[in-house]
Amino acid sequence: MTDHDPTPALSALALVCTLTPSPAPSSSELMARHLLDRFEARGVRTSSVRIVDHVVRPGVEVDMGEGDEWPALRERVLAADILVLATPIWMGHPASVAQQVLERLDADLSETDDAGRPVMYDKVATVAVVGNEDGAHHTIAQLFQGLNDVGFSVPAQGGTYWVGEAMQTVDYQDLEEVPEPVAATHDGLVRNAVHLARLLRGEPYPAG
C-alpha cells in the first residue's frame, strides 16, 4: 500500500487467553506478539488484548449487562480483518478463557450485517497455542471448529504452536531462541492469513 492508496490497511487483533493477569509475563502473549510483529512487517495494523484484564461475564449473549466489557472487545473483533486467538494448554484442553471467548462469540451466530450475512463473514481466524503437555493439535482443532461455526475463515496452516517437554517447567517465554520449525510455522500462518484476508476483502462471501 502506498501513501496514496485509498484502500485501508488490513488489521489484526490478538485475543490472548492466558490465565495470568497483566503485568505478569505470559507465554501466550509472547507468541501472539511474535505473530503480530510478522503481521506488521507485511503492512498490517495490529493490536492485542489480554482477556483476563477485562470483565467478561459468562454467557452466550452479545451483552451480559452492567459491567460486562465483552461488547467493547467484540467491537474490536468486528473492526479487525484477522483474529489471532492465543491460548495455553491446560489439562489437554484450551484454557477456560479461550472457551469463554468462544461462548461469547456464539451470540454472533444470529447477528447479521446489512446484507443479511453473519457478521463474522470475511474475517480470518488463526490460532496460537503454547504449553508443556500434549494436546496442541487437539486444542487448535477445538478452537477452529468454534471459530468457523461463527463465520470466520481459516487459512491454510493457520495454526501454530510450541509444546515443551511433558511434565517439565520450560515455557515458551523461557526459550533463548524460537526453534526454526516453530518460527517457520509462524511465518506461514501470517503469510497465508494475510493472503486470505486480502482475497476476502476483494471478493466477500455472497449473501445467499
Foldseek 3Di string as FASTA:
>chain_A
DDPPDPDDAAEEEEEQAEPDDPPDDDLQVVVVVLLVVLLVVVVYHYDYDHVVNAAADAAQACDPDPRHPNVVVVVVLLVHQEYEYTAEDDPQEGPVSLVRVLSNLNNQLCPADPLQHRSQFLHAYAYEYWEAADRQVVHRVVSVVSVVSSHHDYFVLRYAYDYHHHPDDDTNVNDPDDDPVRSVSSNVNSVRNSVSSVVCVVPPDDSD
